[in-house]
Amino acid sequence: MCRWLAYKGNPVSLETMLFHARHSLIDQSLHSRFGATTTNGDGFGLGWYQHPHDMPFRYRSIQPAWHDHNLRELSRAVSAPMFLAHVRAATHTPVQETNCHPFRHRRWMFMHNGMIEDFPLVRRDLLMAIDPQFFNSLEGSTDSETMFLLAMSFGLEHTPVPAIARMAGFVEATARSHGIAHPLSMTVCASDGEQLVAVRYASEGQSPRSLYHSTSFKHLHALYPDDPRIAAVGDDAYLIVSEPLVDLPQAWAQVPESTAIVVRGTQIDYLPFAPIQS
């Protein structure tokens, strides 16, 4: 499938998270430990905010992340207080730039690991439910981008978690009308530059898609005062990752099944998640 990370905290060089950690996202693109596929080489994408209220910047490529020299140069030059990064392992859809995450509409970005089962069978029904104001933003052919624009149609800009729940409920109801018993598997992340929203969910009740969050960086500063990887990010930094980036004790906790996380400022909320069928 795919691997991704989302960061919020002090402005840090993108290179720190993408390359410097022992099990960085670039390492995961070649040597994933917890993913459905070991290699995630079907393109990658970055999205970052310099200011919360501005449209995010984005860089995507069909090159494998480990092979793109421009990625190393860009990540060394850019520092940001919030960014999303994704390495892709394609399922059902072509390797093309428009299919690389994160997807973007105005201030919002979205990325996904997982799949809609038998997506070609339900694709038309799902596309027809996208609100016309968002439909023209559709660039690629993935289930992930369809999920994003459905969530936008259900109110992602105003009530993110309920909108994702309505998207999930609609996908499940549509797929089950086609005889698909367990249609949805997802870890997703969305952001508007002010908040990170992440969800881990699967229709069968036990998601095979791994997801972790960082624990207290303030606590880790005390445990590892001389570790520059921790010192740079500040006490209130927060990471959501498909796989832990470093093997530091007490640094990571697994996101439970059917859970949503909302990070806004220094407040972090962990909420139960269930699809909403209208």
Protein backbone atom coordinates (compact mmCIF):
# COMPACT_ATOMS: atom_id res chain seq x y z
CA MET A 1 0.00 0.00 0.00
CA CYS A 2 1.55 3.34 1.08
CA ARG A 3 3.37 5.05 3.94
CA TRP A 4 2.83 8.59 5.19
CA LEU A 5 3.62 11.08 7.92
CA ALA A 6 2.15 14.36 9.17
CA TYR A 7 4.03 16.87 11.32
CA LYS A 8 2.97 19.87 13.40
CA GLY A 9 5.32 21.85 15.65
CA ASN A 10 8.23 24.25 15.45
CA PRO A 11 9.40 24.92 11.89
CA VAL A 12 11.86 22.17 11.04
CA SER A 13 13.70 21.20 7.91
CA LEU A 14 11.71 18.65 5.92
CA GLU A 15 14.98 16.78 5.51
CA THR A 16 14.97 16.01 9.25
CA MET A 17 11.82 13.89 9.04
CA LEU A 18 12.24 12.56 5.51
CA PHE A 19 15.91 11.54 5.54
CA HIS A 20 17.67 11.87 8.90
CA ALA A 21 15.67 9.53 11.11
CA ARG A 22 16.89 5.94 11.27
CA HIS A 23 13.61 4.66 9.83
CA SER A 24 12.70 7.79 7.89
CA LEU A 25 9.93 7.96 5.34
CA ILE A 26 12.54 7.59 2.58
CA ASP A 27 13.80 4.43 4.28
CA GLN A 28 10.19 3.21 4.49
CA SER A 29 9.80 3.71 0.75
CA LEU A 30 12.40 0.94 0.34
CA HIS A 31 12.13 -1.06 3.57
CA SER A 32 8.68 -0.78 5.09
CA ARG A 33 8.41 -2.94 8.20
CA PHE A 34 4.66 -2.78 8.86
CA GLY A 35 3.15 -2.12 5.44
CA ALA A 36 1.32 -4.46 3.09
CA THR A 37 4.24 -4.02 0.68
CA THR A 38 7.91 -3.67 1.57
CA THR A 39 8.61 -1.23 -1.27
CA ASN A 40 6.61 1.94 -1.88
CA GLY A 41 8.18 3.22 -5.08
CA ASP A 42 5.25 4.36 -7.25
CA GLY A 43 5.75 8.06 -6.69
CA PHE A 44 5.64 10.38 -3.69
CA GLY A 45 4.38 13.77 -2.60
CA LEU A 46 4.98 16.55 -0.12
CA GLY A 47 2.65 19.31 0.99
CA TRP A 48 3.60 22.07 3.43
CA TYR A 49 2.27 25.26 4.94
CA GLN A 50 4.44 28.30 5.56
CA HIS A 51 1.46 30.21 7.01
CA PRO A 52 -1.77 28.58 8.25
CA HIS A 53 -4.17 30.68 6.18
CA ASP A 54 -2.37 30.31 2.84
CA MET A 55 -2.78 27.65 0.18
CA PRO A 56 -0.18 24.94 0.86
CA PHE A 57 2.81 24.32 -1.35
CA ARG A 58 3.10 20.91 -2.96
CA TYR A 59 5.69 18.81 -4.78
CA ARG A 60 4.79 15.46 -6.35
CA SER A 61 6.69 13.09 -8.61
CA ILE A 62 6.32 9.63 -10.11
CA GLN A 63 9.96 8.90 -9.28
CA PRO A 64 10.64 6.57 -6.35
CA ALA A 65 11.31 8.81 -3.37
CA TRP A 66 14.77 7.36 -2.83
CA HIS A 67 15.73 8.14 -6.43
CA ASP A 68 14.57 11.76 -6.74
CA HIS A 69 17.54 14.12 -6.30
CA ASN A 70 15.28 17.19 -6.38
CA LEU A 71 13.46 15.88 -3.31
CA ARG A 72 16.69 15.91 -1.31
CA GLU A 73 17.50 19.46 -2.42
CA LEU A 74 13.99 20.75 -1.73
CA SER A 75 13.68 19.08 1.67
CA ARG A 76 17.04 20.53 2.71
CA ALA A 77 15.95 24.06 1.73
CA VAL A 78 12.40 24.11 3.15
CA SER A 79 11.46 24.44 6.81
CA ALA A 80 7.80 24.40 7.81
CA PRO A 81 5.66 24.19 10.97
CA MET A 82 3.22 21.76 9.34
CA PHE A 83 3.68 19.32 6.50
CA LEU A 84 2.39 16.07 5.03
CA ALA A 85 4.46 13.50 3.15
CA HIS A 86 3.46 10.30 1.35
CA VAL A 87 5.18 7.47 -0.53
CA ARG A 88 2.95 5.43 -2.80
CA ALA A 89 2.49 1.77 -3.67
CA ALA A 90 -0.11 1.79 -6.43
CA THR A 91 -3.23 -0.40 -6.39
CA HIS A 92 -5.46 -0.62 -9.47
CA THR A 93 -4.53 2.84 -10.83
CA PRO A 94 -1.63 4.10 -12.96
CA VAL A 95 1.64 5.56 -11.75
CA GLN A 96 1.13 9.19 -12.72
CA GLU A 97 1.68 12.50 -10.97
CA THR A 98 -2.02 13.25 -10.58
CA ASN A 99 -2.39 10.02 -8.59
CA CYS A 100 0.32 10.98 -6.08
CA HIS A 101 -0.72 12.21 -2.64
CA PRO A 102 -1.34 14.59 -0.98
CA PHE A 103 -4.36 15.83 -2.89
CA ARG A 104 -5.27 19.50 -2.54
CA HIS A 105 -8.32 21.75 -2.77
CA ARG A 106 -7.79 25.35 -1.72
CA ARG A 107 -6.30 25.20 1.81
CA TRP A 108 -7.08 21.52 2.38
CA MET A 109 -4.79 18.57 1.75
CA PHE A 110 -5.57 14.88 2.10
CA MET A 111 -3.62 11.62 1.96
CA HIS A 112 -4.58 7.99 2.43
CA ASN A 113 -3.20 4.52 2.96
CA GLY A 114 -5.53 1.62 2.27
CA MET A 115 -8.13 0.93 -0.37
CA ILE A 116 -11.74 0.75 -1.42
CA GLU A 117 -12.28 -2.91 -2.29
CA ASP A 118 -13.31 -3.46 -5.92
CA PHE A 119 -13.05 0.27 -6.56
CA PRO A 120 -13.62 -0.01 -10.33
CA LEU A 121 -17.01 -1.59 -9.60
CA VAL A 122 -18.21 1.31 -7.43
CA ARG A 123 -16.20 4.18 -8.92
CA ARG A 124 -18.99 5.64 -11.04
CA ASP A 125 -21.49 5.70 -8.17
CA LEU A 126 -18.97 7.39 -5.88
CA LEU A 127 -17.95 9.98 -8.45
CA MET A 128 -21.56 10.90 -9.12
CA ALA A 129 -21.97 11.83 -5.44
CA ILE A 130 -19.19 14.45 -5.48
CA ASP A 131 -20.64 17.94 -5.24
CA PRO A 132 -20.26 19.84 -8.54
CA GLN A 133 -18.26 22.60 -6.83
CA PHE A 134 -15.54 20.05 -6.06
CA PHE A 135 -15.82 17.75 -9.06
CA ASN A 136 -13.67 19.92 -11.33
CA SER A 137 -10.81 19.50 -8.85
CA LEU A 138 -10.61 15.80 -9.74
CA GLU A 139 -7.29 15.22 -11.52
CA GLY A 140 -6.45 11.54 -11.15
CA SER A 141 -8.10 8.14 -10.99
CA THR A 142 -7.46 6.89 -7.44
CA ASP A 143 -9.93 5.82 -4.80
CA SER A 144 -8.02 8.11 -2.42
CA GLU A 145 -8.77 11.30 -4.35
CA THR A 146 -12.39 10.23 -4.70
CA MET A 147 -12.57 9.82 -0.91
CA PHE A 148 -11.09 13.31 -0.45
CA LEU A 149 -13.61 15.00 -2.73
CA LEU A 150 -16.47 13.06 -1.15
CA ALA A 151 -15.29 14.27 2.27
CA MET A 152 -15.17 17.81 0.91
CA SER A 153 -18.72 17.33 -0.39
CA PHE A 154 -19.83 16.17 3.07
CA GLY A 155 -18.38 19.22 4.83
CA LEU A 156 -14.68 18.61 5.50
CA GLU A 157 -13.99 22.36 5.57
CA HIS A 158 -16.46 22.90 8.42
CA THR A 159 -16.73 19.66 10.45
CA PRO A 160 -13.77 17.44 9.49
CA VAL A 161 -14.37 14.28 11.53
CA PRO A 162 -18.14 14.03 10.79
CA ALA A 163 -17.40 14.70 7.12
CA ILE A 164 -14.90 11.83 6.99
CA ALA A 165 -17.42 9.65 8.86
CA ARG A 166 -20.12 10.49 6.29
CA MET A 167 -17.68 9.76 3.48
CA ALA A 168 -16.85 6.37 5.01
CA GLY A 169 -20.54 5.60 5.53
CA PHE A 170 -21.39 6.48 1.96
CA VAL A 171 -18.53 4.37 0.58
CA GLU A 172 -19.63 1.39 2.68
CA ALA A 173 -23.30 1.71 1.76
CA THR A 174 -22.50 2.05 -1.94
CA ALA A 175 -20.07 -0.86 -1.96
CA ARG A 176 -22.39 -3.15 -0.03
CA SER A 177 -25.17 -2.43 -2.53
CA HIS A 178 -22.79 -4.07 -5.01
CA GLY A 179 -22.26 -7.09 -2.74
CA ILE A 180 -18.89 -6.02 -1.29
CA ALA A 181 -18.87 -7.11 2.36
CA HIS A 182 -15.80 -5.29 3.71
CA PRO A 183 -15.24 -2.38 1.37
CA LEU A 184 -13.06 0.12 3.21
CA SER A 185 -9.62 0.13 4.77
CA MET A 186 -8.00 3.43 5.60
CA THR A 187 -5.61 5.52 7.53
CA VAL A 188 -6.25 9.07 6.31
CA CYS A 189 -4.94 12.51 7.16
CA ALA A 190 -6.39 15.89 6.27
CA SER A 191 -5.18 19.39 7.08
CA ASP A 192 -6.07 23.02 6.41
CA GLY A 193 -2.85 24.44 7.86
CA GLU A 194 -4.37 25.04 11.28
CA GLN A 195 -5.26 21.49 12.27
CA LEU A 196 -4.32 17.91 11.55
CA VAL A 197 -7.13 15.36 11.37
CA ALA A 198 -6.28 11.66 11.13
CA VAL A 199 -8.45 8.53 11.17
CA ARG A 200 -7.70 4.82 11.37
CA TYR A 201 -10.64 2.60 10.35
CA ALA A 202 -11.53 -0.59 8.48
CA SER A 203 -14.91 -2.08 7.63
CA GLU A 204 -13.92 -5.51 8.89
CA GLY A 205 -13.17 -4.05 12.33
CA GLN A 206 -9.44 -4.75 12.37
CA SER A 207 -7.42 -2.47 10.12
CA PRO A 208 -4.31 -3.98 8.55
CA ARG A 209 -2.98 -0.42 8.04
CA SER A 210 -0.60 0.63 10.79
CA LEU A 211 -0.69 4.10 12.35
CA TYR A 212 1.25 5.63 15.24
CA HIS A 213 1.47 8.98 16.98
CA SER A 214 4.30 10.58 18.89
CA THR A 215 4.11 10.77 22.66
CA SER A 216 5.17 13.79 24.72
CA PHE A 217 8.20 15.51 23.24
CA LYS A 218 8.57 17.40 26.52
CA HIS A 219 9.03 14.05 28.26
CA LEU A 220 11.44 12.89 25.57
CA HIS A 221 13.52 16.08 25.97
CA ALA A 222 14.09 15.11 29.58
CA LEU A 223 14.98 11.54 28.69
CA TYR A 224 17.24 12.44 25.75
CA PRO A 225 18.52 16.00 26.34
CA ASP A 226 21.39 15.65 23.87
CA ASP A 227 19.44 14.15 20.97
CA PRO A 228 19.24 16.82 18.22
CA ARG A 229 16.36 15.01 16.53
CA ILE A 230 14.18 15.79 19.53
CA ALA A 231 15.61 19.17 20.51
CA ALA A 232 14.73 20.78 17.17
CA VAL A 233 11.00 20.15 17.24
CA GLY A 234 9.97 21.77 20.53
CA ASP A 235 7.81 20.56 23.41
CA ASP A 236 4.50 20.78 21.56
CA ALA A 237 5.50 18.99 18.35
CA TYR A 238 3.30 16.13 17.18
CA LEU A 239 3.79 13.45 14.56
CA ILE A 240 1.36 10.97 13.06
CA VAL A 241 3.13 8.25 11.07
CA SER A 242 2.45 4.96 9.33
CA GLU A 243 5.55 3.56 11.05
CA PRO A 244 7.77 4.89 13.87
CA LEU A 245 10.69 6.92 12.54
CA VAL A 246 13.16 6.06 15.29
CA ASP A 247 13.50 3.26 17.82
CA LEU A 248 13.37 5.42 20.93
CA PRO A 249 11.61 3.90 23.94
CA GLN A 250 8.38 5.67 24.87
CA ALA A 251 8.44 7.80 21.70
CA TRP A 252 5.43 6.25 19.93
CA ALA A 253 1.98 4.85 20.64
CA GLN A 254 -0.21 2.94 18.22
CA VAL A 255 -3.42 4.64 17.16
CA PRO A 256 -6.28 2.30 18.18
CA GLU A 257 -8.76 0.91 15.68
CA SER A 258 -11.71 3.17 14.82
CA THR A 259 -10.09 6.30 16.20
CA ALA A 260 -9.92 9.90 15.01
CA ILE A 261 -7.22 12.36 16.10
CA VAL A 262 -7.65 16.13 15.92
CA VAL A 263 -4.59 18.32 16.56
CA ARG A 264 -5.20 22.06 16.85
CA GLY A 265 -2.66 24.30 18.54
CA THR A 266 -1.47 22.51 21.66
CA GLN A 267 -4.75 20.58 22.03
CA ILE A 268 -4.90 16.95 20.93
CA ASP A 269 -8.22 15.10 20.97
CA TYR A 270 -8.64 11.35 20.52
CA LEU A 271 -12.18 10.49 19.46
CA PRO A 272 -14.07 7.27 18.68
CA PHE A 273 -14.75 6.98 14.97
CA ALA A 274 -17.66 5.27 13.24
CA PRO A 275 -19.06 5.76 9.72
CA ILE A 276 -22.25 7.79 9.41
CA GLN A 277 -24.81 6.55 6.89
CA SER A 278 -27.39 9.10 5.79
